[in-house]
């Protein structure tokens, strides 16, 4: 796994690129402020409210600022949980995370007492059962929490649902958590595919233009400075030098490592671009610029197509690199 110096590597140009689904997801947490706080608090009580603008129009959901005068709005107005479909589109194949697991309509619904429409799902059964002008009513979840998803969906008919009395003694809603995600099919470029396949074999692959070009790691399509294709692949050592680093002391949601720990840029021997990774097996306050480190690999049977085949870098015990050897790579 360790090479003493960079060495050219031949890559099969006919090997197909790698492709895999990629899902990015996180919970977006935000404070809602006094006006939206009333909107979400009402939803938790299975009620819907809007806000009145300077022209008398009632906006649902509430607009924090008047669309006419741009002044801050504050007059809360109750509206009905029944309304009229203004426009709609059919969702024949629901996606993960959508309100219903069966075909449904997305619709703009103007609630009775409101002047602007609310976007929500309508459980119409079939596309033939809904049209512009269809009357619908809110169907509430069993345990509302203070979010727009407290309306599970709108159902056909203009008879509002009977709702139980709102619980007493609850604090107003001041924060909401919105799960956010996107899923794509990522197809790697040829250099990226070569880089990932090399990792699966315990190798670190960069590339360059010509024998004297800068070596970029990970391998990429083109030199970002010149736009020239990086067409020569180079296997790099798994030893390198810490150029800069940060000590992470603050815990955060989803954190996998207990603070304090060190995230450092490591300039691999033979490379011209440092790579960000963890440095461990040393007290965080002992890590320093110029420190020589080497990759600690997972067991071979755990290798996959990812840089996490390397668990972290640890000190080699060698003398620190001279500053002049890495000062242009900070």
Protein backbone atom coordinates (compact mmCIF):
# COMPACT_ATOMS: atom_id res chain seq x y z
CA UNK A 1 0.00 0.00 0.00
CA UNK A 2 2.97 2.32 0.38
CA UNK A 3 5.03 3.56 -2.53
CA UNK A 4 8.25 5.42 -1.87
CA UNK A 5 7.60 7.86 -4.68
CA UNK A 6 4.98 8.61 -7.29
CA UNK A 7 4.96 6.26 -10.25
CA UNK A 8 3.02 6.34 -13.55
CA UNK A 9 0.06 3.99 -13.85
CA UNK A 10 -1.68 2.66 -16.97
CA UNK A 11 -5.49 2.94 -16.94
CA UNK A 12 -7.74 0.96 -19.29
CA UNK A 13 -9.52 3.68 -21.34
CA UNK A 14 -12.31 1.25 -22.26
CA UNK A 15 -13.33 0.51 -18.68
CA UNK A 16 -16.85 1.88 -18.13
CA UNK A 17 -17.37 4.69 -15.60
CA UNK A 18 -18.76 3.88 -12.19
CA UNK A 19 -22.34 4.86 -11.43
CA UNK A 20 -24.33 4.65 -8.21
CA UNK A 21 -27.29 6.29 -6.46
CA UNK A 22 -26.34 9.17 -4.19
CA UNK A 23 -28.61 10.46 -1.44
CA UNK A 24 -27.87 13.67 0.42
CA UNK A 25 -30.02 14.32 3.48
CA UNK A 26 -30.05 16.57 6.52
CA UNK A 27 -32.52 18.04 9.00
CA UNK A 28 -32.93 21.79 8.53
CA UNK A 29 -33.70 23.39 11.89
CA UNK A 30 -34.87 26.99 12.07
CA UNK A 31 -36.58 29.41 14.41
CA UNK A 32 -39.94 30.58 13.12
CA UNK A 33 -40.43 34.00 14.69
CA UNK A 34 -43.66 35.33 16.25
CA UNK A 35 -45.90 35.36 13.14
CA UNK A 36 -45.07 31.93 11.73
CA UNK A 37 -44.96 30.69 15.30
CA UNK A 38 -48.68 31.44 15.57
CA UNK A 39 -49.29 29.63 12.26
CA UNK A 40 -47.49 26.48 13.39
CA UNK A 41 -48.97 26.62 16.89
CA UNK A 42 -52.44 26.78 15.32
CA UNK A 43 -51.66 23.76 13.13
CA UNK A 44 -50.71 21.81 16.26
CA UNK A 45 -54.23 22.62 17.50
CA UNK A 46 -55.70 21.52 14.12
CA UNK A 47 -56.54 25.11 13.17
CA UNK A 48 -55.38 27.21 10.20
CA UNK A 49 -54.65 30.92 10.37
CA UNK A 50 -53.42 33.53 7.94
CA UNK A 51 -52.39 37.16 8.13
CA UNK A 52 -54.12 40.24 6.73
CA UNK A 53 -52.21 42.53 4.39
CA UNK A 54 -52.58 46.29 3.91
CA UNK A 55 -54.94 45.70 0.96
CA UNK A 56 -57.21 43.50 3.08
CA UNK A 57 -56.09 40.23 1.49
CA UNK A 58 -55.60 37.27 3.82
CA UNK A 59 -52.41 35.33 3.11
CA UNK A 60 -52.17 31.62 3.88
CA UNK A 61 -49.52 30.58 4.77
CA UNK A 62 -48.88 33.91 6.53
CA UNK A 63 -46.52 36.35 4.84
CA UNK A 64 -44.21 37.99 7.35
CA UNK A 65 -44.01 41.17 5.27
CA UNK A 66 -46.70 42.92 3.23
CA UNK A 67 -46.24 42.22 -0.49
CA UNK A 68 -47.61 45.71 -1.26
CA UNK A 69 -45.93 47.98 1.30
CA UNK A 70 -43.16 45.64 2.57
CA UNK A 71 -44.19 46.52 6.11
CA UNK A 72 -44.17 43.82 8.78
CA UNK A 73 -47.56 42.13 9.17
CA UNK A 74 -49.15 41.05 12.44
CA UNK A 75 -52.97 40.78 12.15
CA UNK A 76 -53.73 37.06 12.50
CA UNK A 77 -56.93 35.89 10.78
CA UNK A 78 -58.54 32.45 11.31
CA UNK A 79 -59.56 30.67 8.09
CA UNK A 80 -61.47 27.48 7.38
CA UNK A 81 -59.98 24.03 6.93
CA UNK A 82 -62.18 23.72 3.83
CA UNK A 83 -61.35 25.22 0.47
CA UNK A 84 -61.48 25.14 -3.32
CA UNK A 85 -58.91 23.68 -5.72
CA UNK A 86 -57.54 26.47 -7.90
CA UNK A 87 -55.20 24.31 -9.99
CA UNK A 88 -53.69 20.84 -9.69
CA UNK A 89 -51.37 18.25 -11.18
CA UNK A 90 -51.47 14.48 -10.83
CA UNK A 91 -48.69 12.46 -9.16
CA UNK A 92 -49.16 8.94 -10.59
CA UNK A 93 -46.10 7.40 -8.88
CA UNK A 94 -45.47 8.82 -5.40
CA UNK A 95 -41.87 9.25 -4.33
CA UNK A 96 -40.30 8.47 -0.98
CA UNK A 97 -41.11 11.15 1.57
CA UNK A 98 -44.22 12.46 -0.20
CA UNK A 99 -47.49 12.77 1.76
CA UNK A 100 -49.16 9.67 0.30
CA UNK A 101 -47.98 6.24 -0.82
CA UNK A 102 -50.63 6.05 -3.56
CA UNK A 103 -51.39 8.26 -6.58
CA UNK A 104 -52.56 11.72 -5.53
CA UNK A 105 -52.82 15.32 -6.70
CA UNK A 106 -50.68 18.28 -5.84
CA UNK A 107 -53.07 21.23 -5.67
CA UNK A 108 -53.22 24.93 -4.96
CA UNK A 109 -56.12 25.25 -2.53
CA UNK A 110 -57.76 28.54 -1.56
CA UNK A 111 -59.21 28.02 1.87
CA UNK A 112 -62.49 29.71 2.75
CA UNK A 113 -61.59 33.07 4.24
CA UNK A 114 -58.20 33.23 2.49
CA UNK A 115 -57.21 35.14 -0.64
CA UNK A 116 -54.04 33.21 -1.54
CA UNK A 117 -53.77 29.46 -2.19
CA UNK A 118 -51.97 26.87 -0.10
CA UNK A 119 -50.02 24.09 -1.83
CA UNK A 120 -50.82 20.64 -0.47
CA UNK A 121 -51.68 17.07 -1.42
CA UNK A 122 -55.21 15.93 -2.26
CA UNK A 123 -56.20 12.28 -1.87
CA UNK A 124 -58.62 12.19 -4.81
CA UNK A 125 -58.47 8.46 -5.57
CA UNK A 126 -58.13 9.05 -9.32
CA UNK A 127 -57.31 11.95 -11.61
CA UNK A 128 -60.91 11.88 -12.86
CA UNK A 129 -62.20 12.81 -9.40
CA UNK A 130 -60.49 16.19 -9.17
CA UNK A 131 -60.77 19.36 -11.20
CA UNK A 132 -60.48 23.10 -10.79
CA UNK A 133 -63.28 24.11 -8.42
CA UNK A 134 -63.33 20.82 -6.49
CA UNK A 135 -64.15 21.35 -2.83
CA UNK A 136 -61.77 19.72 -0.34
CA UNK A 137 -61.16 19.63 3.41
CA UNK A 138 -58.10 19.10 5.59
CA UNK A 139 -57.47 15.63 6.98
CA UNK A 140 -55.36 15.91 10.12
CA UNK A 141 -52.71 13.56 11.48
CA UNK A 142 -53.42 11.77 14.74
CA UNK A 143 -50.66 13.54 16.67
CA UNK A 144 -49.94 17.04 15.36
CA UNK A 145 -46.61 18.59 16.32
CA UNK A 146 -46.75 22.09 14.86
CA UNK A 147 -45.80 21.66 11.19
CA UNK A 148 -47.53 21.93 7.82
CA UNK A 149 -47.44 18.12 7.74
CA UNK A 150 -49.99 18.18 10.57
CA UNK A 151 -52.38 18.34 7.62
CA UNK A 152 -51.82 14.81 6.37
CA UNK A 153 -53.58 15.69 3.11
CA UNK A 154 -56.81 17.22 1.81
CA UNK A 155 -59.75 14.92 1.12
CA UNK A 156 -62.70 15.43 -1.23
CA UNK A 157 -65.77 17.18 0.17
CA UNK A 158 -66.52 20.44 1.93
CA UNK A 159 -67.48 19.06 5.34
CA UNK A 160 -64.72 19.85 7.87
CA UNK A 161 -63.51 17.07 10.10
CA UNK A 162 -64.46 16.97 13.75
CA UNK A 163 -61.35 17.68 15.79
CA UNK A 164 -60.72 17.07 19.49
CA UNK A 165 -60.10 19.99 21.86
CA UNK A 166 -56.58 21.36 21.73
CA UNK A 167 -54.33 20.25 24.60
CA UNK A 168 -53.72 22.87 27.26
CA UNK A 169 -50.48 24.10 28.74
CA UNK A 170 -48.23 23.61 25.70
CA UNK A 171 -45.61 26.20 24.87
CA UNK A 172 -45.96 28.05 21.55
CA UNK A 173 -44.05 26.60 18.59
CA UNK A 174 -40.79 28.51 18.16
CA UNK A 175 -38.64 26.01 16.19
CA UNK A 176 -39.31 23.58 13.35
CA UNK A 177 -37.23 20.75 11.92
CA UNK A 178 -37.60 20.13 8.20
CA UNK A 179 -36.07 16.89 6.84
CA UNK A 180 -34.40 17.70 3.51
CA UNK A 181 -33.01 15.22 0.99
CA UNK A 182 -32.13 14.79 -2.65
CA UNK A 183 -31.35 11.53 -4.42
CA UNK A 184 -29.52 11.39 -7.74
CA UNK A 185 -27.79 8.80 -9.89
CA UNK A 186 -24.17 9.90 -9.88
CA UNK A 187 -21.99 8.77 -12.78
CA UNK A 188 -18.32 9.30 -12.06
CA UNK A 189 -15.97 10.72 -14.66
CA UNK A 190 -13.23 8.46 -16.05
CA UNK A 191 -10.56 9.91 -13.70
CA UNK A 192 -12.90 9.70 -10.71
CA UNK A 193 -13.76 6.09 -11.60
CA UNK A 194 -10.05 5.23 -11.88
CA UNK A 195 -9.41 6.91 -8.51
CA UNK A 196 -12.22 4.96 -6.80
CA UNK A 197 -11.21 1.62 -8.33
CA UNK A 198 -7.64 2.22 -7.15
CA UNK A 199 -8.88 2.85 -3.60
CA UNK A 200 -10.63 -0.51 -3.70
CA UNK A 201 -7.17 -2.02 -4.32
CA UNK A 202 -5.49 -0.02 -1.56
CA UNK A 203 -3.87 2.46 -3.93
CA UNK A 204 -3.92 6.26 -4.04
CA UNK A 205 -4.24 7.60 -7.56
CA UNK A 206 -3.60 11.12 -8.77
CA UNK A 207 -3.06 12.48 -12.26
CA UNK A 208 -1.17 15.16 -14.16
CA UNK A 209 -0.50 16.57 -17.62
CA UNK A 210 2.84 15.28 -18.85
CA UNK A 211 5.76 14.09 -16.75
CA UNK A 212 6.41 17.55 -15.28
CA UNK A 213 2.83 18.62 -14.58
CA UNK A 214 1.34 19.19 -11.16
CA UNK A 215 -0.05 16.01 -9.60
CA UNK A 216 -3.68 16.42 -8.51
CA UNK A 217 -5.19 14.14 -5.88
CA UNK A 218 -7.85 12.83 -6.11
CA UNK A 219 -7.56 12.32 -9.88
CA UNK A 220 -9.72 14.74 -11.85
CA UNK A 221 -10.61 15.68 -15.42
CA UNK A 222 -8.54 18.81 -16.02
CA UNK A 223 -5.96 21.13 -14.53
CA UNK A 224 -8.08 23.83 -12.82
CA UNK A 225 -5.45 26.47 -13.62
CA UNK A 226 -5.12 25.78 -17.36
CA UNK A 227 -8.09 23.62 -18.31
CA UNK A 228 -5.69 21.11 -19.90
CA UNK A 229 -6.70 17.45 -19.59
CA UNK A 230 -4.90 15.50 -16.87
CA UNK A 231 -4.05 12.40 -18.88
CA UNK A 232 -1.21 10.72 -16.97
CA UNK A 233 -2.11 8.73 -13.86
CA UNK A 234 0.25 8.51 -10.91
CA UNK A 235 0.21 6.17 -7.91
CA UNK A 236 1.12 8.06 -4.76
CA UNK A 237 2.59 7.15 -1.42
CA UNK A 238 0.24 6.90 1.56
CA UNK A 239 2.75 8.99 3.51
CA UNK A 240 2.54 12.76 3.60
CA UNK A 241 2.91 16.02 5.47
CA UNK A 242 0.34 17.96 7.48
CA UNK A 243 0.07 21.41 5.91
CA UNK A 244 -2.79 22.97 7.89
CA UNK A 245 -5.30 21.57 10.36
CA UNK A 246 -8.21 22.32 12.66
CA UNK A 247 -9.06 20.92 16.08
CA UNK A 248 -12.77 20.19 16.36
CA UNK A 249 -13.94 20.75 19.93
CA UNK A 250 -17.66 21.43 19.46
CA UNK A 251 -20.13 18.53 19.20
CA UNK A 252 -22.86 18.66 16.55
CA UNK A 253 -25.76 16.52 15.37
CA UNK A 254 -24.67 13.41 13.47
CA UNK A 255 -21.07 13.65 14.66
CA UNK A 256 -19.37 10.24 14.48
CA UNK A 257 -16.22 11.06 16.43
CA UNK A 258 -16.06 12.34 19.99
CA UNK A 259 -14.32 15.74 20.21
CA UNK A 260 -11.61 16.81 20.37
CA UNK A 261 -10.24 15.48 17.09
CA UNK A 262 -8.16 16.82 14.23
CA UNK A 263 -9.13 17.36 10.59
CA UNK A 264 -5.99 18.12 8.59
CA UNK A 265 -4.87 18.74 5.05
CA UNK A 266 -2.26 16.11 4.19
CA UNK A 267 0.08 16.64 1.25
CA UNK A 268 0.86 13.13 0.06
CA UNK A 269 4.40 12.55 -1.08
CA UNK A 270 4.50 13.24 -4.80
CA UNK A 271 1.24 15.24 -4.84
CA UNK A 272 0.76 18.97 -5.36
CA UNK A 273 -2.69 19.24 -3.76
CA UNK A 274 -3.35 18.26 -0.11
CA UNK A 275 -6.30 16.07 0.84
CA UNK A 276 -8.52 16.58 3.89
CA UNK A 277 -8.60 13.68 6.34
CA UNK A 278 -8.43 12.82 10.03
CA UNK A 279 -5.21 12.69 12.05
CA UNK A 280 -5.26 10.43 15.10
CA UNK A 281 -3.09 8.32 17.42
CA UNK A 282 -1.78 11.61 18.84
CA UNK A 283 -3.18 14.16 21.25
CA UNK A 284 -5.00 16.87 19.31
CA UNK A 285 -2.86 19.63 20.80
CA UNK A 286 0.32 17.88 19.63
CA UNK A 287 -0.58 17.98 15.91
CA UNK A 288 1.45 20.58 14.02
CA UNK A 289 2.19 21.89 10.55
CA UNK A 290 4.94 19.90 8.87
CA UNK A 291 4.28 16.74 10.86
CA UNK A 292 4.92 13.58 8.85
CA UNK A 293 2.00 11.14 8.80
CA UNK A 294 0.98 7.85 7.18
CA UNK A 295 -2.41 6.36 6.34
CA UNK A 296 -3.98 3.77 8.60
CA UNK A 297 -6.06 1.51 6.39
CA UNK A 298 -9.09 -0.53 7.32
CA UNK A 299 -8.74 -4.33 7.03
CA UNK A 300 -8.61 -5.29 3.36
CA UNK A 301 -11.90 -7.19 3.50
CA UNK A 302 -13.59 -3.87 4.38
CA UNK A 303 -12.25 -1.89 1.44
CA UNK A 304 -14.81 -0.33 -0.86
CA UNK A 305 -15.01 2.46 -3.39
CA UNK A 306 -14.24 5.31 -1.01
CA UNK A 307 -11.53 7.35 0.68
CA UNK A 308 -12.87 6.02 3.99
CA UNK A 309 -10.82 2.88 3.25
CA UNK A 310 -8.30 5.01 5.12
CA UNK A 311 -9.50 5.35 8.72
CA UNK A 312 -7.12 8.18 9.52
CA UNK A 313 -3.50 9.31 9.30
CA UNK A 314 -1.07 8.89 12.19
CA UNK A 315 2.41 10.28 12.90
CA UNK A 316 5.32 8.35 11.39
CA UNK A 317 7.86 9.52 13.94
CA UNK A 318 10.01 11.06 11.19
CA UNK A 319 11.43 14.56 11.60
CA UNK A 320 9.02 17.32 10.57
CA UNK A 321 9.18 18.41 6.96
CA UNK A 322 10.92 21.68 6.24
CA UNK A 323 8.44 24.53 5.76
CA UNK A 324 9.84 25.33 2.32
CA UNK A 325 8.76 21.88 1.09
CA UNK A 326 5.06 22.59 1.62
CA UNK A 327 4.68 26.38 1.91
CA UNK A 328 3.21 26.62 -1.61
CA UNK A 329 0.57 23.97 -0.82
CA UNK A 330 -1.19 25.63 2.12
